[in-house]
C-alpha atoms as a PDB file:
ATOM      1  CA  UNK A   1     137.457  23.888  14.757  1.00  0.00           C
ATOM      2  CA  UNK A   2     140.655  24.685  16.928  1.00  0.00           C
ATOM      3  CA  UNK A   3     138.293  27.163  18.940  1.00  0.00           C
ATOM      4  CA  UNK A   4     136.311  24.228  20.262  1.00  0.00           C
ATOM      5  CA  UNK A   5     138.792  22.330  21.685  1.00  0.00           C
ATOM      6  CA  UNK A   6     139.212  24.261  24.597  1.00  0.00           C
ATOM      7  CA  UNK A   7     135.681  24.158  25.838  1.00  0.00           C
ATOM      8  CA  UNK A   8     135.313  20.877  25.192  1.00  0.00           C
ATOM      9  CA  UNK A   9     138.299  19.970  27.266  1.00  0.00           C
ATOM     10  CA  UNK A  10     136.720  21.964  29.901  1.00  0.00           C
ATOM     11  CA  UNK A  11     133.352  20.381  29.756  1.00  0.00           C
ATOM     12  CA  UNK A  12     135.168  17.037  29.647  1.00  0.00           C
ATOM     13  CA  UNK A  13     137.097  17.920  32.808  1.00  0.00           C
ATOM     14  CA  UNK A  14     133.936  19.217  34.555  1.00  0.00           C
ATOM     15  CA  UNK A  15     131.783  16.033  33.854  1.00  0.00           C
ATOM     16  CA  UNK A  16     134.718  13.766  35.151  1.00  0.00           C
ATOM     17  CA  UNK A  17     134.909  15.761  38.370  1.00  0.00           C
ATOM     18  CA  UNK A  18     131.289  15.596  38.837  1.00  0.00           C
ATOM     19  CA  UNK A  19     131.406  11.861  38.204  1.00  0.00           C
ATOM     20  CA  UNK A  20     134.557  11.524  40.715  1.00  0.00           C
ATOM     21  CA  UNK A  21     132.649  13.357  43.381  1.00  0.00           C
ATOM     22  CA  UNK A  22     129.376  11.509  42.951  1.00  0.00           C
ATOM     23  CA  UNK A  23     131.328   8.012  43.153  1.00  0.00           C
ATOM     24  CA  UNK A  24     133.033   9.315  46.289  1.00  0.00           C
ATOM     25  CA  UNK A  25     129.735  10.567  48.108  1.00  0.00           C
ATOM     26  CA  UNK A  26     128.039   7.133  47.253  1.00  0.00           C
ATOM     27  CA  UNK A  27     130.416   5.598  49.770  1.00  0.00           C
ATOM     28  CA  UNK A  28     132.454   2.353  50.150  1.00  0.00           C
ATOM     29  CA  UNK A  29     130.794  -0.751  48.981  1.00  0.00           C
ATOM     30  CA  UNK A  30     129.677  -3.295  51.687  1.00  0.00           C
ATOM     31  CA  UNK A  31     130.157  -6.848  52.194  1.00  0.00           C
ATOM     32  CA  UNK A  32     127.605  -8.863  50.506  1.00  0.00           C
ATOM     33  CA  UNK A  33     125.173 -11.113  52.470  1.00  0.00           C
ATOM     34  CA  UNK A  34     126.861 -14.359  50.935  1.00  0.00           C
ATOM     35  CA  UNK A  35     130.171 -13.092  52.439  1.00  0.00           C
ATOM     36  CA  UNK A  36     128.412 -12.537  55.794  1.00  0.00           C
ATOM     37  CA  UNK A  37     126.791 -16.094  55.664  1.00  0.00           C
ATOM     38  CA  UNK A  38     130.218 -17.689  54.720  1.00  0.00           C
ATOM     39  CA  UNK A  39     131.785 -16.076  57.741  1.00  0.00           C
ATOM     40  CA  UNK A  40     129.180 -17.329  60.041  1.00  0.00           C
ATOM     41  CA  UNK A  41     129.147 -20.843  58.606  1.00  0.00           C
ATOM     42  CA  UNK A  42     133.204 -21.194  58.746  1.00  0.00           C
ATOM     43  CA  UNK A  43     133.044 -21.869  55.081  1.00  0.00           C
ATOM     44  CA  UNK A  44     136.819 -20.979  54.550  1.00  0.00           C
ATOM     45  CA  UNK A  45     137.110 -21.550  50.915  1.00  0.00           C
ATOM     46  CA  UNK A  46     134.082 -19.822  49.838  1.00  0.00           C
ATOM     47  CA  UNK A  47     134.769 -17.253  52.236  1.00  0.00           C
ATOM     48  CA  UNK A  48     138.121 -16.389  51.016  1.00  0.00           C
ATOM     49  CA  UNK A  49     136.914 -16.228  47.444  1.00  0.00           C
ATOM     50  CA  UNK A  50     134.277 -13.875  48.349  1.00  0.00           C
ATOM     51  CA  UNK A  51     136.687 -11.833  50.300  1.00  0.00           C
ATOM     52  CA  UNK A  52     138.919 -11.494  47.305  1.00  0.00           C
ATOM     53  CA  UNK A  53     136.102 -10.492  45.043  1.00  0.00           C
ATOM     54  CA  UNK A  54     135.314  -8.069  47.654  1.00  0.00           C
ATOM     55  CA  UNK A  55     139.020  -6.646  47.792  1.00  0.00           C
ATOM     56  CA  UNK A  56     138.995  -6.433  43.950  1.00  0.00           C
ATOM     57  CA  UNK A  57     135.902  -4.477  43.648  1.00  0.00           C
ATOM     58  CA  UNK A  58     137.055  -1.704  46.203  1.00  0.00           C
ATOM     59  CA  UNK A  59     140.366  -1.530  44.276  1.00  0.00           C
ATOM     60  CA  UNK A  60     138.439  -1.029  41.186  1.00  0.00           C
ATOM     61  CA  UNK A  61     136.329   1.521  42.435  1.00  0.00           C
ATOM     62  CA  UNK A  62     139.398   3.549  44.042  1.00  0.00           C
ATOM     63  CA  UNK A  63     141.373   3.255  40.555  1.00  0.00           C
ATOM     64  CA  UNK A  64     138.413   4.488  38.736  1.00  0.00           C
ATOM     65  CA  UNK A  65     137.748   7.542  41.242  1.00  0.00           C
ATOM     66  CA  UNK A  66     141.619   8.359  41.184  1.00  0.00           C
ATOM     67  CA  UNK A  67     141.462   7.952  37.380  1.00  0.00           C
ATOM     68  CA  UNK A  68     138.604  10.201  36.998  1.00  0.00           C
ATOM     69  CA  UNK A  69     140.421  13.220  39.089  1.00  0.00           C
ATOM     70  CA  UNK A  70     143.616  12.632  37.303  1.00  0.00           C
ATOM     71  CA  UNK A  71     142.013  12.784  33.995  1.00  0.00           C
ATOM     72  CA  UNK A  72     140.006  15.731  34.831  1.00  0.00           C
ATOM     73  CA  UNK A  73     143.041  17.502  35.801  1.00  0.00           C
ATOM     74  CA  UNK A  74     144.699  16.716  32.512  1.00  0.00           C
ATOM     75  CA  UNK A  75     141.639  17.928  30.660  1.00  0.00           C
ATOM     76  CA  UNK A  76     141.292  21.176  32.310  1.00  0.00           C
ATOM     77  CA  UNK A  77     145.073  21.524  31.562  1.00  0.00           C
ATOM     78  CA  UNK A  78     144.848  20.915  28.110  1.00  0.00           C
ATOM     79  CA  UNK A  79     142.107  23.345  27.720  1.00  0.00           C
ATOM     80  CA  UNK A  80     144.058  26.011  29.222  1.00  0.00           C
ATOM     81  CA  UNK A  81     147.069  25.086  27.058  1.00  0.00           C
ATOM     82  CA  UNK A  82     144.872  25.048  23.948  1.00  0.00           C
ATOM     83  CA  UNK A  83     143.265  28.507  24.624  1.00  0.00           C
ATOM     84  CA  UNK A  84     143.497  30.531  21.431  1.00  0.00           C
ATOM     85  CA  UNK A  85     145.990  33.224  21.765  1.00  0.00           C
ATOM     86  CA  UNK A  86     145.006  36.861  21.052  1.00  0.00           C
ATOM     87  CA  UNK A  87     147.207  38.785  19.234  1.00  0.00           C
ATOM     88  CA  UNK A  88     147.504  42.817  19.725  1.00  0.00           C
END
């Protein structure tokens, strides 16, 4: 069982790195059509609400990407720490 921990951690790290790079390459989310319409119509209350939601969405995405990279590094480090030692 202990022999499987290291390869599983490496596979998990690889999956996290692939997912993080995929999210980075997709690009930042754009403002919605409703937000543009609220800006044009000068509906300040609705515009502020939509801008807050937009900023919150961008922050969540950034936190997700950083978390995937950090957890990928931790999984890779964990894989190398749990490598079985070969005695003489």
